[in-house]
Amino acid sequence: MKLIMAGLLAVAALYSADDPIIEPSQRTDATFRLFRTQNIFNFLELDTRDGRVWQVQWNSDADKRIVSPINLVRLASESKPGRFTLYPTSNLFTFMLLDQENGYTWQVQWGLKPEERLMSPIEAWAEIAAANAQREQAEKPAAKTVSPPKVVGKPPLPPK
């Protein structure tokens, strides 16, 4: 009886195991990367240079294959591959986008309908970055300004 129970527990453990699909290794410095969602038909494509994100949906039915923009705004002017990356959350539809150079973070949400897709900055980071910039500016020694010498014209001649 114990052997049967152990066998049933082993089978149950196999069926309850996480998704066995192995993620391919990706170069962290690649210009574009695909990130798997928990939905079998949807991936997020990231331009790692500037933070643009698209939802890529595959399907055996060609009419259901789409590439939909989530964010087309370039978040960085310097194009360095690997600057941005995505992190999944426990929410099926939500990822976090991280600028690995300055720490800015955005919430990225994909969805089956266009109105469900969004990208929004995590405001706390914007406030922290602004405070840090102000502090750094205040800590810089004041630059000595050298003003050019005043050119003084000849004084007027005294009246005769």
N, C-alpha and C. Protein backbone atom coordinates (compact mmCIF):
# COMPACT_ATOMS: atom_id res chain seq x y z
N MET A 1 0.82 -1.20 0.00
CA MET A 1 0.00 0.00 0.00
C MET A 1 0.86 1.27 0.00
N LYS A 2 1.92 1.23 0.81
CA LYS A 2 2.83 2.39 0.87
C LYS A 2 3.48 2.63 -0.48
N LEU A 3 3.80 1.57 -1.17
CA LEU A 3 4.43 1.67 -2.48
C LEU A 3 3.48 2.32 -3.49
N ILE A 4 2.21 1.97 -3.43
CA ILE A 4 1.22 2.56 -4.34
C ILE A 4 1.07 4.05 -4.04
N MET A 5 1.00 4.41 -2.76
CA MET A 5 0.87 5.82 -2.38
C MET A 5 2.09 6.62 -2.84
N ALA A 6 3.27 6.05 -2.69
CA ALA A 6 4.48 6.73 -3.13
C ALA A 6 4.45 6.93 -4.64
N GLY A 7 3.99 5.93 -5.37
CA GLY A 7 3.88 6.03 -6.82
C GLY A 7 2.89 7.11 -7.24
N LEU A 8 1.75 7.16 -6.58
CA LEU A 8 0.75 8.19 -6.88
C LEU A 8 1.28 9.59 -6.58
N LEU A 9 1.99 9.74 -5.49
CA LEU A 9 2.58 11.05 -5.15
C LEU A 9 3.62 11.46 -6.19
N ALA A 10 4.40 10.51 -6.67
CA ALA A 10 5.42 10.82 -7.69
C ALA A 10 4.76 11.27 -8.99
N VAL A 11 3.68 10.59 -9.41
CA VAL A 11 2.98 10.96 -10.63
C VAL A 11 2.35 12.35 -10.46
N ALA A 12 1.75 12.60 -9.30
CA ALA A 12 1.14 13.91 -9.04
C ALA A 12 2.20 15.00 -9.08
N ALA A 13 3.37 14.72 -8.54
CA ALA A 13 4.44 15.72 -8.55
C ALA A 13 4.88 16.02 -9.97
N LEU A 14 4.93 15.00 -10.83
CA LEU A 14 5.32 15.22 -12.22
C LEU A 14 4.31 16.11 -12.94
N TYR A 15 3.04 15.88 -12.71
CA TYR A 15 2.01 16.66 -13.39
C TYR A 15 1.88 18.07 -12.85
N SER A 16 2.30 18.29 -11.61
CA SER A 16 2.19 19.63 -11.04
C SER A 16 3.49 20.42 -11.18
N ALA A 17 4.50 19.83 -11.82
CA ALA A 17 5.78 20.52 -11.97
C ALA A 17 5.61 21.75 -12.86
N ASP A 18 6.50 22.70 -12.71
CA ASP A 18 6.47 23.91 -13.54
C ASP A 18 6.68 23.54 -15.00
N ASP A 19 6.41 24.50 -15.84
CA ASP A 19 6.53 24.33 -17.29
C ASP A 19 7.92 23.81 -17.64
N PRO A 20 8.01 22.67 -18.32
CA PRO A 20 9.32 22.09 -18.61
C PRO A 20 10.03 22.71 -19.81
N ILE A 21 9.44 23.72 -20.43
CA ILE A 21 10.08 24.33 -21.59
C ILE A 21 11.35 25.03 -21.15
N ILE A 22 12.43 24.69 -21.79
CA ILE A 22 13.73 25.27 -21.44
C ILE A 22 13.93 26.54 -22.24
N GLU A 23 14.25 27.61 -21.53
CA GLU A 23 14.51 28.89 -22.20
C GLU A 23 15.87 28.83 -22.89
N PRO A 24 15.95 29.29 -24.13
CA PRO A 24 17.27 29.34 -24.77
C PRO A 24 18.09 30.45 -24.12
N SER A 25 19.38 30.24 -24.08
CA SER A 25 20.22 31.30 -23.52
C SER A 25 20.24 32.46 -24.52
N GLN A 26 20.22 33.65 -24.00
CA GLN A 26 20.24 34.84 -24.84
C GLN A 26 21.43 35.69 -24.44
N ARG A 27 22.02 36.33 -25.41
CA ARG A 27 23.11 37.25 -25.12
C ARG A 27 22.53 38.47 -24.43
N THR A 28 23.09 38.86 -23.32
CA THR A 28 22.58 40.03 -22.61
C THR A 28 22.90 41.32 -23.35
N ASP A 29 23.86 41.26 -24.27
CA ASP A 29 24.21 42.46 -25.04
C ASP A 29 23.57 42.46 -26.43
N ALA A 30 22.60 41.59 -26.65
CA ALA A 30 21.91 41.54 -27.95
C ALA A 30 21.01 42.77 -28.09
N THR A 31 20.84 43.24 -29.31
CA THR A 31 20.00 44.41 -29.55
C THR A 31 18.54 44.11 -29.27
N PHE A 32 18.06 42.95 -29.68
CA PHE A 32 16.67 42.56 -29.43
C PHE A 32 16.65 41.25 -28.67
N ARG A 33 15.70 41.15 -27.72
CA ARG A 33 15.52 39.91 -26.95
C ARG A 33 14.04 39.60 -26.84
N LEU A 34 13.71 38.31 -26.82
CA LEU A 34 12.33 37.85 -26.59
C LEU A 34 12.21 37.36 -25.15
N PHE A 35 11.11 37.77 -24.50
CA PHE A 35 10.83 37.34 -23.14
C PHE A 35 9.50 36.60 -23.14
N ARG A 36 9.51 35.40 -22.60
CA ARG A 36 8.33 34.55 -22.57
C ARG A 36 7.35 35.04 -21.51
N THR A 37 6.07 35.05 -21.84
CA THR A 37 5.03 35.33 -20.86
C THR A 37 4.47 33.99 -20.39
N GLN A 38 3.55 34.02 -19.45
CA GLN A 38 2.91 32.79 -18.99
C GLN A 38 1.81 32.33 -19.95
N ASN A 39 1.52 33.13 -20.96
CA ASN A 39 0.56 32.76 -21.99
C ASN A 39 1.35 32.11 -23.13
N ILE A 40 0.96 30.93 -23.54
CA ILE A 40 1.77 30.19 -24.51
C ILE A 40 1.87 30.86 -25.87
N PHE A 41 0.98 31.77 -26.19
CA PHE A 41 0.97 32.41 -27.51
C PHE A 41 1.66 33.77 -27.54
N ASN A 42 2.06 34.31 -26.39
CA ASN A 42 2.56 35.68 -26.35
C ASN A 42 3.97 35.79 -25.77
N PHE A 43 4.75 36.62 -26.43
CA PHE A 43 6.10 36.97 -25.98
C PHE A 43 6.20 38.49 -25.97
N LEU A 44 7.18 39.01 -25.25
CA LEU A 44 7.50 40.43 -25.32
C LEU A 44 8.85 40.56 -26.01
N GLU A 45 8.90 41.43 -27.00
CA GLU A 45 10.15 41.71 -27.70
C GLU A 45 10.66 43.06 -27.21
N LEU A 46 11.92 43.09 -26.80
CA LEU A 46 12.53 44.29 -26.21
C LEU A 46 13.70 44.75 -27.05
N ASP A 47 13.72 46.05 -27.36
CA ASP A 47 14.92 46.66 -27.94
C ASP A 47 15.76 47.05 -26.73
N THR A 48 16.83 46.32 -26.49
CA THR A 48 17.63 46.50 -25.27
C THR A 48 18.44 47.80 -25.28
N ARG A 49 18.48 48.49 -26.42
CA ARG A 49 19.22 49.75 -26.49
C ARG A 49 18.41 50.91 -25.92
N ASP A 50 17.10 50.91 -26.18
CA ASP A 50 16.33 52.11 -25.83
C ASP A 50 15.00 51.86 -25.13
N GLY A 51 14.68 50.61 -24.81
CA GLY A 51 13.50 50.32 -24.01
C GLY A 51 12.19 50.19 -24.76
N ARG A 52 12.21 50.18 -26.08
CA ARG A 52 10.95 49.98 -26.81
C ARG A 52 10.52 48.52 -26.65
N VAL A 53 9.18 48.32 -26.54
CA VAL A 53 8.64 46.98 -26.26
C VAL A 53 7.45 46.70 -27.19
N TRP A 54 7.40 45.46 -27.71
CA TRP A 54 6.29 45.00 -28.54
C TRP A 54 5.76 43.69 -27.98
N GLN A 55 4.49 43.47 -28.15
CA GLN A 55 3.88 42.17 -27.84
C GLN A 55 3.86 41.36 -29.13
N VAL A 56 4.42 40.16 -29.09
CA VAL A 56 4.47 39.28 -30.26
C VAL A 56 3.60 38.07 -29.96
N GLN A 57 2.58 37.87 -30.80
CA GLN A 57 1.66 36.75 -30.61
C GLN A 57 1.78 35.82 -31.80
N TRP A 58 2.06 34.57 -31.54
CA TRP A 58 2.13 33.59 -32.61
C TRP A 58 0.89 32.71 -32.56
N ASN A 59 0.59 32.07 -33.67
CA ASN A 59 -0.56 31.19 -33.75
C ASN A 59 -0.46 30.40 -35.05
N SER A 60 -1.06 29.23 -35.08
CA SER A 60 -1.06 28.46 -36.33
C SER A 60 -1.98 29.11 -37.35
N ASP A 61 -2.93 29.90 -36.90
CA ASP A 61 -3.82 30.67 -37.77
C ASP A 61 -3.15 32.01 -38.08
N ALA A 62 -2.80 32.23 -39.33
CA ALA A 62 -2.06 33.43 -39.73
C ALA A 62 -2.79 34.72 -39.36
N ASP A 63 -4.12 34.69 -39.32
CA ASP A 63 -4.89 35.89 -38.98
C ASP A 63 -4.73 36.30 -37.51
N LYS A 64 -4.23 35.39 -36.69
CA LYS A 64 -4.10 35.68 -35.26
C LYS A 64 -2.66 35.99 -34.86
N ARG A 65 -1.76 36.04 -35.83
CA ARG A 65 -0.36 36.42 -35.55
C ARG A 65 -0.28 37.93 -35.57
N ILE A 66 0.24 38.51 -34.48
CA ILE A 66 0.34 39.97 -34.42
C ILE A 66 1.64 40.40 -33.77
N VAL A 67 2.03 41.61 -34.09
CA VAL A 67 3.08 42.31 -33.37
C VAL A 67 2.46 43.66 -33.03
N SER A 68 2.27 43.90 -31.74
CA SER A 68 1.60 45.12 -31.29
C SER A 68 2.55 45.93 -30.42
N PRO A 69 2.65 47.22 -30.66
CA PRO A 69 3.52 48.04 -29.82
C PRO A 69 2.94 48.22 -28.43
N ILE A 70 3.81 48.15 -27.44
CA ILE A 70 3.44 48.52 -26.07
C ILE A 70 4.08 49.86 -25.74
N ASN A 71 5.32 50.03 -26.18
CA ASN A 71 6.00 51.31 -25.99
C ASN A 71 6.88 51.57 -27.20
N LEU A 72 6.62 52.68 -27.90
CA LEU A 72 7.45 53.07 -29.05
C LEU A 72 8.32 54.27 -28.73
N VAL A 73 8.27 54.74 -27.49
CA VAL A 73 9.08 55.90 -27.08
C VAL A 73 10.47 55.42 -26.69
N ARG A 74 11.47 56.02 -27.31
CA ARG A 74 12.85 55.68 -26.97
C ARG A 74 13.16 56.29 -25.60
N LEU A 75 13.51 55.43 -24.63
CA LEU A 75 13.74 55.88 -23.26
C LEU A 75 15.17 56.32 -23.02
N ALA A 76 16.04 56.10 -23.97
CA ALA A 76 17.44 56.50 -23.84
C ALA A 76 17.93 56.96 -25.20
N SER A 77 18.71 58.03 -25.19
CA SER A 77 19.22 58.54 -26.45
C SER A 77 20.48 57.80 -26.89
N GLU A 78 21.21 57.26 -25.93
CA GLU A 78 22.42 56.51 -26.26
C GLU A 78 22.03 55.07 -26.56
N SER A 79 22.41 54.58 -27.72
CA SER A 79 22.04 53.22 -28.12
C SER A 79 23.14 52.24 -27.77
N LYS A 80 23.00 51.64 -26.61
CA LYS A 80 23.97 50.64 -26.16
C LYS A 80 23.22 49.34 -25.91
N PRO A 81 23.45 48.30 -26.72
CA PRO A 81 22.75 47.03 -26.51
C PRO A 81 22.95 46.50 -25.09
N GLY A 82 21.88 45.99 -24.53
CA GLY A 82 21.94 45.42 -23.19
C GLY A 82 21.61 46.40 -22.08
N ARG A 83 21.30 47.64 -22.43
CA ARG A 83 21.01 48.64 -21.40
C ARG A 83 19.71 48.32 -20.67
N PHE A 84 18.69 47.86 -21.39
CA PHE A 84 17.39 47.58 -20.80
C PHE A 84 17.14 46.08 -20.73
N THR A 85 16.40 45.66 -19.71
CA THR A 85 15.97 44.26 -19.61
C THR A 85 14.60 44.21 -18.96
N LEU A 86 13.93 43.08 -19.15
CA LEU A 86 12.61 42.85 -18.57
C LEU A 86 12.67 41.78 -17.49
N TYR A 87 11.87 41.97 -16.44
CA TYR A 87 11.74 40.99 -15.38
C TYR A 87 10.27 40.61 -15.24
N PRO A 88 9.94 39.32 -15.25
CA PRO A 88 8.54 38.93 -15.04
C PRO A 88 8.13 39.16 -13.59
N THR A 89 6.85 39.34 -13.38
CA THR A 89 6.30 39.43 -12.02
C THR A 89 5.38 38.25 -11.81
N SER A 90 4.79 38.15 -10.64
CA SER A 90 3.85 37.05 -10.40
C SER A 90 2.51 37.31 -11.08
N ASN A 91 2.31 38.53 -11.60
CA ASN A 91 1.11 38.85 -12.37
C ASN A 91 1.32 38.38 -13.81
N LEU A 92 0.41 37.65 -14.33
CA LEU A 92 0.49 37.08 -15.68
C LEU A 92 0.79 38.12 -16.75
N PHE A 93 0.24 39.31 -16.62
CA PHE A 93 0.32 40.32 -17.68
C PHE A 93 1.37 41.40 -17.44
N THR A 94 2.05 41.38 -16.31
CA THR A 94 2.93 42.49 -15.94
C THR A 94 4.39 42.08 -15.86
N PHE A 95 5.24 42.93 -16.45
CA PHE A 95 6.69 42.80 -16.36
C PHE A 95 7.24 44.12 -15.84
N MET A 96 8.47 44.09 -15.35
CA MET A 96 9.15 45.31 -14.97
C MET A 96 10.28 45.54 -15.98
N LEU A 97 10.36 46.77 -16.48
CA LEU A 97 11.43 47.15 -17.40
C LEU A 97 12.46 47.93 -16.59
N LEU A 98 13.70 47.53 -16.68
CA LEU A 98 14.77 48.18 -15.91
C LEU A 98 15.81 48.77 -16.84
N ASP A 99 16.14 50.04 -16.61
CA ASP A 99 17.29 50.66 -17.25
C ASP A 99 18.47 50.32 -16.36
N GLN A 100 19.33 49.42 -16.82
CA GLN A 100 20.41 48.91 -16.00
C GLN A 100 21.55 49.90 -15.79
N GLU A 101 21.49 51.05 -16.47
CA GLU A 101 22.53 52.06 -16.27
C GLU A 101 22.16 53.08 -15.19
N ASN A 102 20.88 53.47 -15.11
CA ASN A 102 20.52 54.49 -14.12
C ASN A 102 19.48 54.02 -13.12
N GLY A 103 18.97 52.80 -13.26
CA GLY A 103 18.04 52.24 -12.29
C GLY A 103 16.59 52.63 -12.48
N TYR A 104 16.26 53.41 -13.49
CA TYR A 104 14.86 53.77 -13.72
C TYR A 104 14.07 52.50 -14.04
N THR A 105 12.83 52.47 -13.58
CA THR A 105 12.00 51.29 -13.72
C THR A 105 10.62 51.67 -14.23
N TRP A 106 10.05 50.81 -15.09
CA TRP A 106 8.71 51.01 -15.64
C TRP A 106 7.91 49.74 -15.47
N GLN A 107 6.60 49.89 -15.30
CA GLN A 107 5.68 48.76 -15.34
C GLN A 107 5.26 48.57 -16.78
N VAL A 108 5.42 47.35 -17.29
CA VAL A 108 5.02 47.02 -18.66
C VAL A 108 3.90 45.99 -18.56
N GLN A 109 2.79 46.30 -19.20
CA GLN A 109 1.65 45.38 -19.16
C GLN A 109 1.23 45.05 -20.57
N TRP A 110 1.20 43.76 -20.89
CA TRP A 110 0.70 43.33 -22.18
C TRP A 110 -0.74 42.88 -22.00
N GLY A 111 -1.46 42.78 -23.10
CA GLY A 111 -2.85 42.35 -23.01
C GLY A 111 -3.36 41.88 -24.36
N LEU A 112 -4.48 41.21 -24.33
CA LEU A 112 -5.08 40.69 -25.55
C LEU A 112 -5.78 41.79 -26.34
N LYS A 113 -6.14 42.88 -25.68
CA LYS A 113 -6.78 44.02 -26.33
C LYS A 113 -5.83 45.21 -26.25
N PRO A 114 -5.80 46.06 -27.28
CA PRO A 114 -4.89 47.21 -27.27
C PRO A 114 -5.04 48.11 -26.05
N GLU A 115 -6.26 48.29 -25.56
CA GLU A 115 -6.46 49.18 -24.40
C GLU A 115 -5.93 48.57 -23.11
N GLU A 116 -5.58 47.29 -23.13
CA GLU A 116 -5.02 46.65 -21.94
C GLU A 116 -3.49 46.78 -21.87
N ARG A 117 -2.88 47.23 -22.96
CA ARG A 117 -1.42 47.34 -23.01
C ARG A 117 -1.00 48.71 -22.50
N LEU A 118 0.03 48.73 -21.65
CA LEU A 118 0.50 50.01 -21.15
C LEU A 118 1.93 49.91 -20.67
N MET A 119 2.53 51.07 -20.55
CA MET A 119 3.84 51.18 -19.93
C MET A 119 3.82 52.44 -19.11
N SER A 120 4.21 52.33 -17.85
CA SER A 120 4.12 53.46 -16.94
C SER A 120 5.36 53.50 -16.06
N PRO A 121 5.96 54.68 -15.90
CA PRO A 121 7.15 54.76 -15.04
C PRO A 121 6.79 54.53 -13.58
N ILE A 122 7.71 53.95 -12.86
CA ILE A 122 7.56 53.82 -11.41
C ILE A 122 8.04 55.16 -10.86
N GLU A 123 7.11 55.99 -10.45
CA GLU A 123 7.39 57.39 -10.12
C GLU A 123 8.41 57.56 -9.01
N ALA A 124 8.45 56.66 -8.07
CA ALA A 124 9.39 56.82 -6.97
C ALA A 124 10.81 56.97 -7.50
N TRP A 125 11.13 56.22 -8.56
CA TRP A 125 12.49 56.30 -9.12
C TRP A 125 12.73 57.66 -9.75
N ALA A 126 11.72 58.21 -10.38
CA ALA A 126 11.88 59.54 -10.99
C ALA A 126 12.15 60.58 -9.91
N GLU A 127 11.43 60.47 -8.79
CA GLU A 127 11.63 61.42 -7.69
C GLU A 127 13.02 61.24 -7.07
N ILE A 128 13.44 59.99 -6.89
CA ILE A 128 14.77 59.72 -6.32
C ILE A 128 15.85 60.25 -7.25
N ALA A 129 15.68 60.02 -8.55
CA ALA A 129 16.68 60.49 -9.52
C ALA A 129 16.77 62.01 -9.51
N ALA A 130 15.62 62.69 -9.42
CA ALA A 130 15.62 64.15 -9.38
C ALA A 130 16.31 64.64 -8.10
N ALA A 131 16.02 64.00 -6.97
CA ALA A 131 16.66 64.38 -5.71
C ALA A 131 18.17 64.15 -5.78
N ASN A 132 18.58 63.02 -6.37
CA ASN A 132 20.01 62.74 -6.50
C ASN A 132 20.69 63.78 -7.39
N ALA A 133 20.05 64.16 -8.48
CA ALA A 133 20.63 65.16 -9.37
C ALA A 133 20.78 66.49 -8.66
N GLN A 134 19.77 66.87 -7.87
CA GLN A 134 19.87 68.13 -7.11
C GLN A 134 20.99 68.06 -6.09
N ARG A 135 21.11 66.93 -5.39
CA ARG A 135 22.16 66.77 -4.39
C ARG A 135 23.54 66.84 -5.04
N GLU A 136 23.70 66.15 -6.17
CA GLU A 136 24.98 66.17 -6.87
C GLU A 136 25.34 67.58 -7.33
N GLN A 137 24.34 68.31 -7.79
CA GLN A 137 24.58 69.68 -8.24
C GLN A 137 25.01 70.56 -7.06
N ALA A 138 24.36 70.35 -5.91
CA ALA A 138 24.68 71.15 -4.72
C ALA A 138 26.07 70.81 -4.18
N GLU A 139 26.50 69.56 -4.35
CA GLU A 139 27.80 69.14 -3.84
C GLU A 139 28.96 69.58 -4.72
N LYS A 140 28.68 69.95 -5.95
CA LYS A 140 29.75 70.39 -6.84
C LYS A 140 30.27 71.73 -6.35
N PRO A 141 31.59 71.88 -6.32
CA PRO A 141 32.11 73.19 -5.92
C PRO A 141 31.71 74.24 -6.95
N ALA A 142 31.39 75.39 -6.42
CA ALA A 142 30.98 76.48 -7.31
C ALA A 142 32.14 76.84 -8.23
N ALA A 143 31.85 76.90 -9.47
CA ALA A 143 32.88 77.24 -10.45
C ALA A 143 33.17 78.73 -10.33
N LYS A 144 34.45 79.03 -10.27
CA LYS A 144 34.84 80.44 -10.21
C LYS A 144 34.67 81.03 -11.60
N THR A 145 33.94 82.09 -11.64
CA THR A 145 33.75 82.75 -12.92
C THR A 145 34.72 83.92 -13.00
N VAL A 146 35.40 83.96 -14.06
CA VAL A 146 36.34 85.05 -14.30
C VAL A 146 35.68 85.99 -15.28
N SER A 147 35.40 87.17 -14.79
CA SER A 147 34.76 88.12 -15.69
C SER A 147 35.83 88.89 -16.44
N PRO A 148 35.56 89.21 -17.66
CA PRO A 148 36.56 89.95 -18.44
C PRO A 148 36.75 91.34 -17.83
N PRO A 149 37.95 91.91 -17.96
CA PRO A 149 38.18 93.24 -17.40
C PRO A 149 37.28 94.27 -18.08
N LYS A 150 36.84 95.21 -17.27
CA LYS A 150 35.99 96.27 -17.81
C LYS A 150 36.86 97.23 -18.62
N VAL A 151 36.35 97.57 -19.73
CA VAL A 151 37.04 98.54 -20.57
C VAL A 151 36.47 99.91 -20.22
N VAL A 152 37.34 100.74 -19.71
CA VAL A 152 36.89 102.07 -19.31
C VAL A 152 37.32 103.06 -20.38
N GLY A 153 36.36 103.81 -20.85
CA GLY A 153 36.68 104.82 -21.86
C GLY A 153 37.36 106.02 -21.23
N LYS A 154 37.86 106.88 -22.03
CA LYS A 154 38.52 108.09 -21.51
C LYS A 154 37.46 108.95 -20.83
N PRO A 155 37.82 109.56 -19.72
CA PRO A 155 36.86 110.44 -19.08
C PRO A 155 36.63 111.67 -19.96
N PRO A 156 35.46 112.24 -19.86
CA PRO A 156 35.19 113.43 -20.68
C PRO A 156 36.13 114.57 -20.29
N LEU A 157 36.44 115.39 -21.25
CA LEU A 157 37.29 116.54 -20.99
C LEU A 157 36.53 117.56 -20.14
N PRO A 158 37.24 118.24 -19.21
CA PRO A 158 36.55 119.26 -18.42
C PRO A 158 36.12 120.42 -19.30
N PRO A 159 35.03 121.07 -18.96
CA PRO A 159 34.55 122.21 -19.77
C PRO A 159 35.54 123.36 -19.72
N LYS A 160 35.64 124.15 -20.76
CA LYS A 160 36.55 125.30 -20.83
C LYS A 160 35.88 126.54 -20.43
